[in-house]
C-alpha atoms as a PDB file:
ATOM      1  CA  MET A   1      14.148   4.526 -11.842  1.00  0.00           C
ATOM      2  CA  LYS A   2      12.706   4.435  -8.336  1.00  0.00           C
ATOM      3  CA  LYS A   3       8.951   4.878  -8.083  1.00  0.00           C
ATOM      4  CA  TYR A   4       6.743   5.798  -5.150  1.00  0.00           C
ATOM      5  CA  TRP A   5       3.413   4.376  -4.043  1.00  0.00           C
ATOM      6  CA  LEU A   6       0.688   4.862  -1.495  1.00  0.00           C
ATOM      7  CA  MET A   7      -0.619   1.521  -0.271  1.00  0.00           C
ATOM      8  CA  LYS A   8      -3.771   1.408   1.847  1.00  0.00           C
ATOM      9  CA  SER A   9      -4.361  -1.143   4.552  1.00  0.00           C
ATOM     10  CA  GLU A  10      -7.109  -1.393   7.109  1.00  0.00           C
ATOM     11  CA  PRO A  11      -5.271  -1.343  10.441  1.00  0.00           C
ATOM     12  CA  ASP A  12      -7.523  -4.034  11.925  1.00  0.00           C
ATOM     13  CA  GLU A  13      -6.303  -6.348   9.133  1.00  0.00           C
ATOM     14  CA  VAL A  14      -2.642  -5.288   8.782  1.00  0.00           C
ATOM     15  CA  SER A  15      -1.340  -2.175  10.525  1.00  0.00           C
ATOM     16  CA  ILE A  16       2.027  -0.440  10.475  1.00  0.00           C
ATOM     17  CA  ASP A  17       2.578  -2.002  13.922  1.00  0.00           C
ATOM     18  CA  ASP A  18       1.987  -5.471  12.436  1.00  0.00           C
ATOM     19  CA  LEU A  19       4.483  -4.745   9.672  1.00  0.00           C
ATOM     20  CA  MET A  20       7.145  -3.467  12.049  1.00  0.00           C
ATOM     21  CA  ALA A  21       6.648  -6.486  14.356  1.00  0.00           C
ATOM     22  CA  ALA A  22       6.823  -9.052  11.523  1.00  0.00           C
ATOM     23  CA  PRO A  23       9.929 -11.171  11.004  1.00  0.00           C
ATOM     24  CA  LYS A  24      12.450  -8.991   9.160  1.00  0.00           C
ATOM     25  CA  GLN A  25       9.735  -6.281   9.216  1.00  0.00           C
ATOM     26  CA  THR A  26       8.386  -7.789   5.983  1.00  0.00           C
ATOM     27  CA  LEU A  27       4.913  -9.000   5.040  1.00  0.00           C
ATOM     28  CA  PRO A  28       3.125 -10.002   1.839  1.00  0.00           C
ATOM     29  CA  TRP A  29       0.704  -7.396   0.481  1.00  0.00           C
ATOM     30  CA  PHE A  30      -2.262  -9.602  -0.327  1.00  0.00           C
ATOM     31  CA  GLY A  31      -5.964  -9.322  -1.002  1.00  0.00           C
ATOM     32  CA  VAL A  32      -5.828  -6.675  -3.745  1.00  0.00           C
ATOM     33  CA  ARG A  33      -8.911  -7.321  -5.892  1.00  0.00           C
ATOM     34  CA  ASN A  34      -8.939  -4.355  -8.221  1.00  0.00           C
ATOM     35  CA  TYR A  35      -7.417  -4.814 -11.668  1.00  0.00           C
ATOM     36  CA  GLN A  36      -5.794  -1.391 -11.848  1.00  0.00           C
ATOM     37  CA  ALA A  37      -4.167  -1.788  -8.422  1.00  0.00           C
ATOM     38  CA  ARG A  38      -3.102  -5.326  -9.369  1.00  0.00           C
ATOM     39  CA  ASN A  39      -1.555  -4.017 -12.580  1.00  0.00           C
ATOM     40  CA  PHE A  40       0.462  -1.457 -10.615  1.00  0.00           C
ATOM     41  CA  MET A  41       1.846  -4.307  -8.492  1.00  0.00           C
ATOM     42  CA  ARG A  42       2.382  -6.671 -11.407  1.00  0.00           C
ATOM     43  CA  ASP A  43       3.680  -4.296 -14.070  1.00  0.00           C
ATOM     44  CA  ALA A  44       5.165  -1.229 -12.409  1.00  0.00           C
ATOM     45  CA  MET A  45       6.429  -1.949  -8.893  1.00  0.00           C
ATOM     46  CA  GLN A  46      10.075  -2.775  -8.432  1.00  0.00           C
ATOM     47  CA  VAL A  47      12.122  -3.858  -5.455  1.00  0.00           C
ATOM     48  CA  GLY A  48      13.262  -0.738  -3.608  1.00  0.00           C
ATOM     49  CA  ASP A  49      10.315   1.461  -4.604  1.00  0.00           C
ATOM     50  CA  GLY A  50       9.116   3.719  -1.787  1.00  0.00           C
ATOM     51  CA  VAL A  51       5.796   3.054  -0.048  1.00  0.00           C
ATOM     52  CA  LEU A  52       3.654   5.376   2.035  1.00  0.00           C
ATOM     53  CA  PHE A  53       1.889   2.954   4.388  1.00  0.00           C
ATOM     54  CA  TYR A  54      -1.631   4.344   4.732  1.00  0.00           C
ATOM     55  CA  HIS A  55      -4.249   3.320   7.297  1.00  0.00           C
ATOM     56  CA  SER A  56      -7.722   3.354   5.725  1.00  0.00           C
ATOM     57  CA  SER A  57     -11.278   2.526   6.765  1.00  0.00           C
ATOM     58  CA  CYS A  58     -10.607   3.588  10.334  1.00  0.00           C
ATOM     59  CA  ALA A  59     -11.464   6.460  12.684  1.00  0.00           C
ATOM     60  CA  GLN A  60      -8.559   8.594  11.467  1.00  0.00           C
ATOM     61  CA  PRO A  61      -7.135   7.580   8.086  1.00  0.00           C
ATOM     62  CA  GLY A  62      -3.692   8.742   7.084  1.00  0.00           C
ATOM     63  CA  VAL A  63      -0.060   7.896   6.420  1.00  0.00           C
ATOM     64  CA  ALA A  64       1.269   5.836   9.326  1.00  0.00           C
ATOM     65  CA  GLY A  65       4.740   4.906   8.124  1.00  0.00           C
ATOM     66  CA  ILE A  66       7.260   4.402   5.373  1.00  0.00           C
ATOM     67  CA  ALA A  67       8.079   1.098   3.720  1.00  0.00           C
ATOM     68  CA  GLU A  68       9.568  -0.224   0.521  1.00  0.00           C
ATOM     69  CA  VAL A  69       8.699  -2.878  -2.028  1.00  0.00           C
ATOM     70  CA  ALA A  70      10.781  -5.922  -1.069  1.00  0.00           C
ATOM     71  CA  SER A  71       9.973  -8.491  -3.776  1.00  0.00           C
ATOM     72  CA  THR A  72       8.920  -8.939  -7.337  1.00  0.00           C
ATOM     73  CA  PRO A  73       5.247  -9.895  -7.820  1.00  0.00           C
ATOM     74  CA  TYR A  74       4.151 -13.471  -7.196  1.00  0.00           C
ATOM     75  CA  PRO A  75       0.726 -15.197  -7.065  1.00  0.00           C
ATOM     76  CA  ASP A  76      -1.386 -14.033  -4.113  1.00  0.00           C
ATOM     77  CA  HIS A  77      -1.966 -17.150  -1.975  1.00  0.00           C
ATOM     78  CA  SER A  78      -5.288 -15.837  -0.658  1.00  0.00           C
ATOM     79  CA  GLN A  79      -6.994 -16.235  -4.050  1.00  0.00           C
ATOM     80  CA  PHE A  80      -6.734 -20.029  -3.634  1.00  0.00           C
ATOM     81  CA  GLU A  81      -8.075 -20.245  -0.058  1.00  0.00           C
ATOM     82  CA  ASP A  82     -11.531 -21.742  -0.544  1.00  0.00           C
ATOM     83  CA  GLY A  83     -13.951 -19.983   1.808  1.00  0.00           C
ATOM     84  CA  GLY A  84     -11.447 -17.237   2.571  1.00  0.00           C
ATOM     85  CA  LYS A  85     -12.199 -13.531   2.378  1.00  0.00           C
ATOM     86  CA  TYR A  86     -10.134 -13.115  -0.818  1.00  0.00           C
ATOM     87  CA  PHE A  87     -10.950 -16.443  -2.536  1.00  0.00           C
ATOM     88  CA  ASP A  88     -11.409 -16.253  -6.300  1.00  0.00           C
ATOM     89  CA  ALA A  89     -13.074 -19.292  -7.858  1.00  0.00           C
ATOM     90  CA  LYS A  90     -11.793 -18.315 -11.309  1.00  0.00           C
ATOM     91  CA  ALA A  91      -8.141 -18.302 -10.228  1.00  0.00           C
ATOM     92  CA  THR A  92      -6.056 -21.437 -10.693  1.00  0.00           C
ATOM     93  CA  GLN A  93      -2.500 -22.330  -9.777  1.00  0.00           C
ATOM     94  CA  GLU A  94      -1.744 -22.465 -13.504  1.00  0.00           C
ATOM     95  CA  GLN A  95      -3.429 -19.127 -14.204  1.00  0.00           C
ATOM     96  CA  PRO A  96      -3.535 -16.978 -11.078  1.00  0.00           C
ATOM     97  CA  ARG A  97      -5.482 -13.726 -11.382  1.00  0.00           C
ATOM     98  CA  TRP A  98      -4.041 -11.794  -8.453  1.00  0.00           C
ATOM     99  CA  VAL A  99      -0.546 -10.970  -7.247  1.00  0.00           C
ATOM    100  CA  SER A 100       1.221  -9.997  -4.062  1.00  0.00           C
ATOM    101  CA  VAL A 101       4.473  -8.222  -3.380  1.00  0.00           C
ATOM    102  CA  ASP A 102       6.377  -8.243  -0.134  1.00  0.00           C
ATOM    103  CA  VAL A 103       6.586  -4.942   1.701  1.00  0.00           C
ATOM    104  CA  HIS A 104       9.399  -4.128   4.119  1.00  0.00           C
ATOM    105  CA  GLY A 105       8.726  -1.622   6.899  1.00  0.00           C
ATOM    106  CA  LEU A 106      11.310   1.127   7.271  1.00  0.00           C
ATOM    107  CA  LYS A 107       9.733   3.222  10.021  1.00  0.00           C
ATOM    108  CA  LYS A 108       6.527   3.890  11.838  1.00  0.00           C
ATOM    109  CA  THR A 109       5.650   7.567  11.998  1.00  0.00           C
ATOM    110  CA  ALA A 110       3.145   9.704  13.791  1.00  0.00           C
ATOM    111  CA  LEU A 111      -0.028   9.612  11.726  1.00  0.00           C
ATOM    112  CA  LEU A 112      -0.280  12.247   9.004  1.00  0.00           C
ATOM    113  CA  PRO A 113      -4.067  12.524   8.789  1.00  0.00           C
ATOM    114  CA  LEU A 114      -5.941  12.638   5.509  1.00  0.00           C
ATOM    115  CA  SER A 115      -7.505  15.903   6.671  1.00  0.00           C
ATOM    116  CA  GLU A 116      -4.045  17.532   6.810  1.00  0.00           C
ATOM    117  CA  MET A 117      -3.069  16.089   3.444  1.00  0.00           C
ATOM    118  CA  ARG A 118      -6.168  17.681   1.891  1.00  0.00           C
ATOM    119  CA  GLN A 119      -4.887  21.107   3.013  1.00  0.00           C
ATOM    120  CA  MET A 120      -1.510  20.781   1.278  1.00  0.00           C
ATOM    121  CA  ALA A 121      -1.193  22.614  -2.041  1.00  0.00           C
ATOM    122  CA  ALA A 122       1.636  20.278  -3.073  1.00  0.00           C
ATOM    123  CA  LEU A 123      -0.815  17.362  -2.965  1.00  0.00           C
ATOM    124  CA  GLU A 124      -3.723  18.877  -4.899  1.00  0.00           C
ATOM    125  CA  ASP A 125      -3.175  16.448  -7.820  1.00  0.00           C
ATOM    126  CA  MET A 126      -2.573  13.372  -5.665  1.00  0.00           C
ATOM    127  CA  LEU A 127      -4.771  10.444  -6.741  1.00  0.00           C
ATOM    128  CA  LEU A 128      -5.678   9.637  -3.134  1.00  0.00           C
ATOM    129  CA  LEU A 129      -7.333  13.036  -2.824  1.00  0.00           C
ATOM    130  CA  LYS A 130      -9.346  12.879  -6.057  1.00  0.00           C
ATOM    131  CA  LYS A 131     -13.103  12.639  -5.603  1.00  0.00           C
ATOM    132  CA  GLY A 132     -14.249   9.036  -5.930  1.00  0.00           C
ATOM    133  CA  SER A 133     -10.735   7.564  -5.721  1.00  0.00           C
ATOM    134  CA  ARG A 134     -10.913   4.246  -3.909  1.00  0.00           C
ATOM    135  CA  LEU A 135      -7.865   2.401  -5.203  1.00  0.00           C
ATOM    136  CA  SER A 136      -5.857   0.618  -2.525  1.00  0.00           C
ATOM    137  CA  ILE A 137      -2.610   1.269  -4.387  1.00  0.00           C
ATOM    138  CA  THR A 138      -1.823   4.505  -6.193  1.00  0.00           C
ATOM    139  CA  PRO A 139       1.325   5.998  -7.666  1.00  0.00           C
ATOM    140  CA  VAL A 140       2.845   8.985  -5.889  1.00  0.00           C
ATOM    141  CA  THR A 141       5.049  11.541  -7.645  1.00  0.00           C
ATOM    142  CA  LEU A 142       8.492  12.360  -6.317  1.00  0.00           C
ATOM    143  CA  GLU A 143       7.229  15.837  -5.381  1.00  0.00           C
ATOM    144  CA  GLN A 144       4.266  14.364  -3.457  1.00  0.00           C
ATOM    145  CA  TRP A 145       6.589  11.862  -1.748  1.00  0.00           C
ATOM    146  CA  GLN A 146       8.936  14.643  -0.686  1.00  0.00           C
ATOM    147  CA  ALA A 147       6.083  16.857   0.563  1.00  0.00           C
ATOM    148  CA  ILE A 148       4.633  14.045   2.677  1.00  0.00           C
ATOM    149  CA  THR A 149       7.863  12.611   4.036  1.00  0.00           C
ATOM    150  CA  ALA A 150       9.038  16.100   5.026  1.00  0.00           C
ATOM    151  CA  LEU A 151       6.049  16.281   7.401  1.00  0.00           C
ATOM    152  CA  LEU A 152       6.305  12.803   8.892  1.00  0.00           C
ATOM    153  CA  GLN A 153       7.379  12.819  12.516  1.00  0.00           C
ATOM    154  CA  PRO A 154       8.773   9.878  14.480  1.00  0.00           C
ATOM    155  CA  ALA A 155       6.119   7.807  16.209  1.00  0.00           C
END
């Protein structure tokens, strides 16, 4: 059964424009260092699942496009890059701690700002909008997916 996700990325690291400009409009989703978010990627995501591509930690956060999960999970290369931002000294090639999935961009949209999402009754239970929620990957219900995608306009 198809699932839906909201995946946050800081646009100065990887933006929807970067995804859409990538070869085959596909990039690895790397650098996730939260166990719950990792477990979503490792245990629940499947190829073809829908992704709301969300720009975070920027002047105007919000949904910036639609993508889909394009691979099964595999070890996140960045955990092995000594001195890198996402290096994990406890991770080994034999026992990696972190995973990546490839994400394929489907379309860039006009930004749906977080402020607008907070006003939508259909999203009142959305994990993104819960006080203290900081996960970079969260599940989205079919109803939430439909409410958001119905508002997305072409970029």
